[in-house]
Structure formats: structure tokens, C-alpha cells
């Protein structure tokens, strides 16, 4: 899967931009605030119908404009797709070959993009929500069943919290909703546990490629109850134990929305014992790991790495670049990066030009 052409209209600082990209490594260089990240933000938007920088669609539209469009030519073996996103301050519509795309699961199958942005380097010292989002986004792309159950969970959680906020809680209804919640959570926990196991099969190998030294890394997933044959029974007991406290605090205090995971590097928790460089390399490896869990070459995701080289020394920069050359298509943004055998684009004043690598 590669993007061969990107056209932007009224997107961020671009009135109009049209650029052709190559397979393998594409490097976008330019000064800060020149518009490098805006280009890869547009690419990523097409895979999730949302930005990795803002939740406000209006911020993606150029000042004083009523709409913006993102258009991409996507090639997947012999299949050619023309994906268009039309954005207004209050709506977003996406089409593929002029046919509406209405579901996230459908969109993710049309164009899959993995992104690393600078704040991701703090993933394991940040809120557990960030780590859960990593699992939820990647599992939702991989499995329509997971996405469907996650959406059901969100609805049931809101319903349970609404019941808890009532002056007099209907405990019969609370029990029914809690039982429904547990049924959905069992599926989600099983998917999370299996996916973490899959990641652990490739994580150390990726880190070794980037660092050049033997490393052992794995994720530790902490479900809210043990994921085994007794899940429903144990979850039911856990909710019963917390029920009075939930009623008192008017919120659901346990469940998959409170779960967490840790990264263990060479036997130590990276959030407390890892350097900035180690954290950055570990998160880069984690973000790249879904790429290796997809066997079909033509379905391999497009990789976007925004300002990925910051805080990496020259040796690790060089090793990372060489590793990335093995991927189907990669976009790297940087203020300055000299790379051989890559397609290099320079951004200046909302214009982009290709130059020799």
C-alpha cells in the first residue's frame, strides 16, 4: 500500500499543494512551522478521519476558507484507489472512487497509516489513556469485531454512569447493564491480551535493528481481572465489591477503561529506569510493530514519522534510516536530514519541491 499522489486544497497553510511520492523512503525537510507536519497530518487523516494533532476539524481548514479537501491516489498491488476527504467546520465526508465511506473499519482497510509524533516519546510516562489508545486504535483497524465491541462498551459505560448519577439508583437496571458490560469486556480483554502477545514476538527484534545491540523488551498488560475461563465470574465479583463505592462516587471505577500496560526493557520498567533516548527508541519500535503483524505485503501500512530524529544520536539515526528503507512506504519529517537513496522534498513558504538526495 503506497500513496503515489497527494493533493491538498485549503488545508492548514496550503491553498493548493500537489505532490507525487515514491515507494520506500520519502523525507520531507524544512524549517519549523514551514508546513512539513501538515503534509503528513493530511496523509494520516485519511486512515482515521481525524488528525493526530487536534480534535477540531475547523483547525485543519485554512484561515478564511469555508472548506478543505485532501485527495490521495493509493495503490495496492493492481488496485488503484482515489480517496477524497472534504472538510467543513462542522462535517467531514470521505469517498473512495466516488463512493461514500461511512465506517471507520471500512476506511482503515482502504488506507492504513501508522504515525509517530514527538509527544509519543512520553507514552510510558504519560496517562494510561495514551497506552490504551494505542491498543484500541490498532486493534480497531485490525478487527471489525473489536471495534464493534469497543463501541458497544462505550455506550454501556455511559449508560452505567448515567444510572450511577441518579439520586436513587435503580439497582436492578444497574445489574443488567453491568452484566452486559462484562460480556463485552471479556471479548475486548481477550483481544488485548492476544495482541500484546503478538507485539512481544516482534518488539525486541525491532529495537535490536535500531539500537544495534542485544535488547530484550516486552509489554506487560494489566487487565482489570484475569483473562481466563473464569473471567465473567471474577468480573462479576469485582463489580459487586465496588458497587457501593461506584454509587457513592457516581462513576464506574473499574473496567477496561482503567487498564494499563508497561514496557519492560532488559528487565526494568522503561518509564522509571529508561533514558529519554531509550524511551524514544522503545516507542518507535512499538509504533512500528503493527507493520510486522500484517502478512499481506500489499496491505502493509504506510509509516509516518514526524520529527522522529530528535534526541537520537547520529549512530541511531543512521540505523533507523537503514531499517526504514525495508518498509513499503515511509514519510519522515525533519528540519535537516541527509539521507542517501531516498526521495527528498523541501518545504518553503507553503511550497514543496523535490530535490536530489
Protein backbone atom coordinates (compact mmCIF):
# COMPACT_ATOMS: atom_id res chain seq x y z
CA UNK A 1 0.00 0.00 0.00
CA UNK A 2 1.51 3.33 -1.08
CA UNK A 3 0.37 6.89 -1.71
CA UNK A 4 1.55 7.91 -5.17
CA UNK A 5 -0.05 11.38 -5.23
CA UNK A 6 -1.38 13.84 -2.67
CA UNK A 7 -3.46 16.95 -3.40
CA UNK A 8 -4.37 19.46 -0.70
CA UNK A 9 -6.75 22.39 -1.03
CA UNK A 10 -7.17 24.97 1.75
CA UNK A 11 -5.61 22.52 4.21
CA UNK A 12 -3.75 24.19 7.10
CA UNK A 13 -1.28 26.65 5.47
CA UNK A 14 -1.70 25.25 1.94
CA UNK A 15 -4.01 26.93 -0.54
CA UNK A 16 -3.14 24.22 -3.04
CA UNK A 17 -0.46 21.57 -2.99
CA UNK A 18 0.05 18.71 -5.43
CA UNK A 19 2.93 16.30 -4.98
CA UNK A 20 3.89 12.82 -6.19
CA UNK A 21 5.56 10.43 -3.78
CA UNK A 22 7.64 7.30 -4.30
CA UNK A 23 7.60 3.90 -2.63
CA UNK A 24 10.12 3.28 0.16
CA UNK A 25 11.61 6.30 1.95
CA UNK A 26 10.27 9.85 1.47
CA UNK A 27 11.97 12.59 3.50
CA UNK A 28 10.26 15.97 3.93
CA UNK A 29 12.62 18.69 5.17
CA UNK A 30 12.12 22.33 6.04
CA UNK A 31 12.27 24.91 8.81
CA UNK A 32 9.99 24.76 11.81
CA UNK A 33 6.43 25.93 11.00
CA UNK A 34 7.09 25.63 7.25
CA UNK A 35 4.30 23.07 6.85
CA UNK A 36 6.10 19.70 6.90
CA UNK A 37 3.88 18.18 9.55
CA UNK A 38 0.75 19.47 7.80
CA UNK A 39 1.53 17.19 4.85
CA UNK A 40 1.90 14.01 6.91
CA UNK A 41 -1.07 15.05 9.05
CA UNK A 42 -3.20 15.03 5.89
CA UNK A 43 -1.92 11.55 4.99
CA UNK A 44 -2.76 10.22 8.44
CA UNK A 45 -6.19 11.89 8.44
CA UNK A 46 -7.27 9.65 5.58
CA UNK A 47 -6.82 6.48 7.69
CA UNK A 48 -8.84 7.52 10.76
CA UNK A 49 -10.87 10.53 9.62
CA UNK A 50 -9.20 12.56 12.34
CA UNK A 51 -5.98 14.42 12.98
CA UNK A 52 -3.25 13.24 15.33
CA UNK A 53 -2.74 16.89 16.37
CA UNK A 54 -6.23 18.25 17.05
CA UNK A 55 -9.79 17.08 17.62
CA UNK A 56 -11.19 20.24 15.96
CA UNK A 57 -11.77 19.78 12.23
CA UNK A 58 -12.08 23.55 11.84
CA UNK A 59 -8.38 23.93 12.73
CA UNK A 60 -7.46 21.95 9.60
CA UNK A 61 -9.10 24.49 7.30
CA UNK A 62 -7.02 27.39 6.04
CA UNK A 63 -7.93 30.76 7.57
CA UNK A 64 -10.94 32.48 5.96
CA UNK A 65 -11.81 29.39 3.91
CA UNK A 66 -15.11 27.52 4.15
CA UNK A 67 -13.76 24.04 3.42
CA UNK A 68 -10.65 21.95 2.82
CA UNK A 69 -10.00 18.82 0.79
CA UNK A 70 -7.45 16.03 0.99
CA UNK A 71 -7.11 13.80 -2.06
CA UNK A 72 -4.80 10.81 -2.35
CA UNK A 73 -4.05 8.27 -5.04
CA UNK A 74 -3.47 4.98 -3.24
CA UNK A 75 -2.00 1.93 -4.93
CA UNK A 76 -2.36 -1.59 -3.57
CA UNK A 77 -0.83 -4.11 -5.97
CA UNK A 78 -3.01 -3.71 -9.10
CA UNK A 79 -5.78 -1.87 -7.26
CA UNK A 80 -5.95 1.92 -7.59
CA UNK A 81 -7.99 3.98 -5.16
CA UNK A 82 -8.80 7.67 -5.22
CA UNK A 83 -9.63 8.73 -1.66
CA UNK A 84 -11.06 12.20 -1.04
CA UNK A 85 -11.87 13.89 2.27
CA UNK A 86 -13.99 17.05 2.25
CA UNK A 87 -13.82 19.01 5.49
CA UNK A 88 -16.02 21.83 6.74
CA UNK A 89 -16.05 23.34 10.25
CA UNK A 90 -19.00 21.08 11.15
CA UNK A 91 -18.59 17.99 8.97
CA UNK A 92 -16.27 15.61 7.16
CA UNK A 93 -17.12 13.39 4.23
CA UNK A 94 -14.87 10.75 2.72
CA UNK A 95 -15.22 8.93 -0.58
CA UNK A 96 -13.26 6.18 -2.30
CA UNK A 97 -13.54 6.15 -6.09
CA UNK A 98 -16.52 8.50 -5.66
CA UNK A 99 -18.38 6.10 -3.32
CA UNK A 100 -19.11 7.26 0.27
CA UNK A 101 -17.09 5.72 3.10
CA UNK A 102 -19.24 5.67 6.22
CA UNK A 103 -17.50 3.30 8.63
CA UNK A 104 -14.10 3.60 10.29
CA UNK A 105 -13.49 -0.11 9.72
CA UNK A 106 -14.03 0.38 6.00
CA UNK A 107 -11.73 3.40 5.88
CA UNK A 108 -8.91 1.63 7.73
CA UNK A 109 -8.99 -1.18 5.18
CA UNK A 110 -8.72 1.32 2.32
CA UNK A 111 -5.70 3.15 3.72
CA UNK A 112 -3.81 2.21 6.85
CA UNK A 113 -1.34 4.72 8.30
CA UNK A 114 0.88 4.34 11.37
CA UNK A 115 2.10 7.60 12.89
CA UNK A 116 4.82 8.58 15.36
CA UNK A 117 4.77 12.15 16.63
CA UNK A 118 7.17 13.81 19.11
CA UNK A 119 4.85 13.56 22.13
CA UNK A 120 4.67 9.78 21.64
CA UNK A 121 8.16 9.53 23.14
CA UNK A 122 6.45 10.15 26.51
CA UNK A 123 3.96 7.30 26.04
CA UNK A 124 5.13 5.29 29.04
CA UNK A 125 5.32 8.24 31.43
CA UNK A 126 2.06 9.71 30.19
CA UNK A 127 -1.51 8.87 31.21
CA UNK A 128 -2.67 5.22 30.84
CA UNK A 129 -5.24 6.59 28.38
CA UNK A 130 -2.43 7.10 25.84
CA UNK A 131 -1.38 3.46 26.11
CA UNK A 132 -4.97 2.22 25.89
CA UNK A 133 -5.50 4.37 22.80
CA UNK A 134 -2.54 2.65 21.13
CA UNK A 135 -4.20 -0.74 21.66
CA UNK A 136 -7.69 0.45 20.74
CA UNK A 137 -6.65 2.19 17.51
CA UNK A 138 -4.54 -0.67 16.21
CA UNK A 139 -6.98 -3.39 17.24
CA UNK A 140 -9.90 -1.46 15.74
CA UNK A 141 -8.04 -1.29 12.43
CA UNK A 142 -7.22 -4.98 12.56
CA UNK A 143 -10.56 -6.36 13.76
CA UNK A 144 -14.09 -5.12 12.99
CA UNK A 145 -15.24 -7.34 15.89
CA UNK A 146 -13.02 -5.43 18.32
CA UNK A 147 -14.23 -2.08 17.00
CA UNK A 148 -17.87 -3.16 17.26
CA UNK A 149 -17.40 -4.34 20.85
CA UNK A 150 -15.47 -1.21 21.77
CA UNK A 151 -18.32 0.96 20.53
CA UNK A 152 -20.80 -1.18 22.49
CA UNK A 153 -18.65 -0.83 25.59
CA UNK A 154 -18.59 2.97 25.29
CA UNK A 155 -22.41 3.07 25.07
CA UNK A 156 -22.87 0.70 28.01
CA UNK A 157 -20.34 2.57 30.13
CA UNK A 158 -22.18 5.84 29.53
CA UNK A 159 -25.46 4.13 30.42
CA UNK A 160 -23.99 2.69 33.64
CA UNK A 161 -22.50 6.03 34.64
CA UNK A 162 -25.86 7.73 33.98
CA UNK A 163 -27.56 5.21 36.29
CA UNK A 164 -24.96 5.89 38.98
CA UNK A 165 -25.64 9.62 38.80
CA UNK A 166 -29.35 9.20 39.60
CA UNK A 167 -30.49 10.37 43.06
CA UNK A 168 -31.95 6.89 43.62
CA UNK A 169 -30.05 4.23 41.69
CA UNK A 170 -32.14 1.51 40.05
CA UNK A 171 -30.04 -1.44 41.22
CA UNK A 172 -31.91 -3.98 39.09
CA UNK A 173 -31.16 -1.99 35.94
CA UNK A 174 -27.61 -1.39 37.18
CA UNK A 175 -27.12 -5.15 37.46
CA UNK A 176 -28.44 -5.75 33.93
CA UNK A 177 -26.17 -3.11 32.39
CA UNK A 178 -23.18 -4.36 34.41
CA UNK A 179 -23.76 -7.91 33.12
CA UNK A 180 -23.92 -6.62 29.55
CA UNK A 181 -20.75 -4.62 30.14
CA UNK A 182 -18.89 -7.70 31.40
CA UNK A 183 -19.89 -9.71 28.31
CA UNK A 184 -18.37 -7.07 26.05
CA UNK A 185 -15.30 -6.62 28.26
CA UNK A 186 -14.48 -10.33 28.06
CA UNK A 187 -14.13 -10.09 24.28
CA UNK A 188 -12.10 -6.87 24.44
CA UNK A 189 -9.71 -8.19 27.12
CA UNK A 190 -9.07 -11.37 25.13
CA UNK A 191 -8.26 -9.34 22.03
CA UNK A 192 -5.96 -7.01 24.00
CA UNK A 193 -4.09 -9.87 25.63
CA UNK A 194 -3.63 -11.71 22.32
CA UNK A 195 -2.46 -8.55 20.54
CA UNK A 196 0.10 -7.72 23.22
CA UNK A 197 1.43 -11.26 22.86
CA UNK A 198 1.76 -10.76 19.08
CA UNK A 199 3.63 -7.49 19.60
CA UNK A 200 6.01 -9.16 22.05
CA UNK A 201 7.01 -11.61 19.32
CA UNK A 202 8.50 -8.78 17.21
CA UNK A 203 9.29 -5.94 19.63
CA UNK A 204 12.82 -6.96 20.69
CA UNK A 205 13.85 -7.62 17.09
CA UNK A 206 12.81 -4.11 16.04
CA UNK A 207 14.70 -2.50 18.94
CA UNK A 208 17.82 -4.50 18.09
CA UNK A 209 17.64 -3.24 14.50
CA UNK A 210 17.52 0.36 15.70
CA UNK A 211 19.99 0.15 18.60
CA UNK A 212 22.44 -2.34 17.13
CA UNK A 213 22.85 -4.18 20.43
CA UNK A 214 21.12 -7.13 22.06
CA UNK A 215 17.99 -5.97 23.89
CA UNK A 216 15.04 -7.78 25.46
CA UNK A 217 11.80 -5.85 25.51
CA UNK A 218 8.21 -6.80 26.14
CA UNK A 219 4.87 -5.28 27.07
CA UNK A 220 3.11 -6.24 30.27
CA UNK A 221 -0.67 -5.93 30.01
CA UNK A 222 -2.71 -5.45 33.19
CA UNK A 223 -6.36 -6.44 32.64
CA UNK A 224 -8.79 -5.39 35.35
CA UNK A 225 -9.42 -9.11 36.09
CA UNK A 226 -7.51 -12.16 34.97
CA UNK A 227 -8.32 -13.21 31.40
CA UNK A 228 -9.18 -16.89 31.72
CA UNK A 229 -12.16 -19.26 31.73
CA UNK A 230 -13.47 -17.65 34.94
CA UNK A 231 -13.41 -14.11 33.56
CA UNK A 232 -17.15 -13.42 33.82
CA UNK A 233 -17.42 -14.85 37.33
CA UNK A 234 -14.38 -12.89 38.55
CA UNK A 235 -15.52 -9.69 36.83
CA UNK A 236 -18.98 -10.02 38.34
CA UNK A 237 -17.43 -10.33 41.82
CA UNK A 238 -15.19 -7.34 41.16
CA UNK A 239 -18.15 -5.17 40.16
CA UNK A 240 -20.13 -6.37 43.19
CA UNK A 241 -17.26 -5.41 45.51
CA UNK A 242 -17.03 -1.90 44.02
CA UNK A 243 -20.80 -1.31 43.62
CA UNK A 244 -21.37 0.75 46.78
CA UNK A 245 -18.27 2.82 46.10
CA UNK A 246 -19.41 3.36 42.48
CA UNK A 247 -22.80 4.56 43.74
CA UNK A 248 -21.11 6.87 46.22
CA UNK A 249 -18.71 8.35 43.64
CA UNK A 250 -21.31 8.22 40.82
CA UNK A 251 -18.87 6.70 38.33
CA UNK A 252 -17.65 3.28 37.16
CA UNK A 253 -14.25 2.85 38.80
CA UNK A 254 -13.12 -0.48 37.28
CA UNK A 255 -13.17 -1.96 33.81
CA UNK A 256 -11.26 -1.97 30.57
CA UNK A 257 -11.33 1.85 30.54
CA UNK A 258 -8.98 1.78 33.56
CA UNK A 259 -6.49 -0.79 32.30
CA UNK A 260 -2.80 -0.16 31.64
CA UNK A 261 0.36 -1.70 30.26
CA UNK A 262 4.09 -1.23 30.83
CA UNK A 263 7.16 -1.58 28.64
CA UNK A 264 9.91 -3.69 30.21
CA UNK A 265 13.38 -3.19 28.69
CA UNK A 266 16.14 -5.54 29.86
CA UNK A 267 14.15 -6.41 32.97
CA UNK A 268 13.34 -2.82 34.02
CA UNK A 269 10.27 -0.62 33.68
CA UNK A 270 11.24 1.89 31.00
CA UNK A 271 9.04 4.63 32.46
CA UNK A 272 11.16 4.80 35.63
CA UNK A 273 14.53 3.41 34.53
CA UNK A 274 14.83 4.32 30.84
CA UNK A 275 16.67 7.33 29.43
CA UNK A 276 15.00 9.75 27.02
CA UNK A 277 16.75 8.04 24.13
CA UNK A 278 15.73 4.56 25.30
CA UNK A 279 12.12 5.66 25.73
CA UNK A 280 12.11 7.19 22.26
CA UNK A 281 13.58 4.09 20.60
CA UNK A 282 11.22 1.79 22.53
CA UNK A 283 8.15 3.77 21.49
CA UNK A 284 9.32 3.97 17.86
CA UNK A 285 9.69 0.18 17.91
CA UNK A 286 6.25 -0.23 19.46
CA UNK A 287 4.64 2.07 16.89
CA UNK A 288 6.30 0.13 14.05
CA UNK A 289 5.38 -3.30 15.43
CA UNK A 290 1.87 -3.49 13.80
CA UNK A 291 3.59 -3.32 10.41
CA UNK A 292 5.14 -6.75 11.03
CA UNK A 293 1.87 -8.30 12.20
CA UNK A 294 0.33 -7.95 8.73
CA UNK A 295 1.45 -10.77 6.46
CA UNK A 296 -0.02 -9.50 3.17
CA UNK A 297 2.64 -7.28 1.57
CA UNK A 298 0.03 -5.21 -0.27
CA UNK A 299 -1.80 -4.48 2.99
CA UNK A 300 1.28 -3.21 4.83
CA UNK A 301 0.56 0.19 6.42
CA UNK A 302 2.12 3.48 5.36
CA UNK A 303 4.52 4.78 8.01
CA UNK A 304 4.55 8.45 9.09
CA UNK A 305 7.36 9.57 11.41
CA UNK A 306 7.09 13.23 12.38
CA UNK A 307 10.30 14.74 13.76
CA UNK A 308 11.45 11.24 14.69
CA UNK A 309 15.17 12.02 14.74
CA UNK A 310 15.10 14.46 17.66
CA UNK A 311 17.09 13.22 20.66
CA UNK A 312 18.62 10.35 18.68
CA UNK A 313 22.38 10.45 18.17
CA UNK A 314 23.89 10.10 14.69
CA UNK A 315 24.51 6.36 15.05
CA UNK A 316 20.91 5.60 15.97
CA UNK A 317 19.62 7.98 13.30
CA UNK A 318 21.61 6.13 10.65
CA UNK A 319 20.50 2.72 11.90
CA UNK A 320 16.84 3.79 11.98
CA UNK A 321 17.02 5.16 8.43
CA UNK A 322 18.57 1.95 7.12
CA UNK A 323 15.88 -0.08 8.88
CA UNK A 324 13.09 2.09 7.43
CA UNK A 325 14.33 1.52 3.89
CA UNK A 326 12.96 -2.03 4.18
CA UNK A 327 9.38 -0.77 4.52
CA UNK A 328 6.94 -0.38 1.63
CA UNK A 329 6.49 3.39 2.13
CA UNK A 330 7.71 5.74 4.84
CA UNK A 331 7.40 9.51 5.36
CA UNK A 332 9.88 11.26 7.65
CA UNK A 333 9.78 14.96 8.50
CA UNK A 334 12.89 16.75 9.72
CA UNK A 335 14.45 20.18 9.82
CA UNK A 336 17.65 18.69 8.44
CA UNK A 337 18.35 15.12 7.40
CA UNK A 338 20.88 13.89 4.88
CA UNK A 339 19.76 10.51 3.52
CA UNK A 340 21.10 8.55 0.60
CA UNK A 341 18.81 6.53 -1.66
CA UNK A 342 15.66 8.38 -0.58
CA UNK A 343 13.17 10.75 -2.18
CA UNK A 344 13.71 14.15 -0.58
CA UNK A 345 11.21 17.04 -0.62
CA UNK A 346 11.88 20.56 0.66
CA UNK A 347 9.08 22.71 2.09
CA UNK A 348 9.37 26.51 1.97
CA UNK A 349 6.57 29.06 2.36
CA UNK A 350 3.77 26.55 1.68
CA UNK A 351 5.51 25.20 -1.42
CA UNK A 352 7.17 21.83 -1.85
CA UNK A 353 9.92 20.95 -4.29
CA UNK A 354 11.72 17.70 -4.91
CA UNK A 355 15.48 17.74 -4.69
CA UNK A 356 18.22 15.18 -5.25
CA UNK A 357 19.02 13.04 -2.22
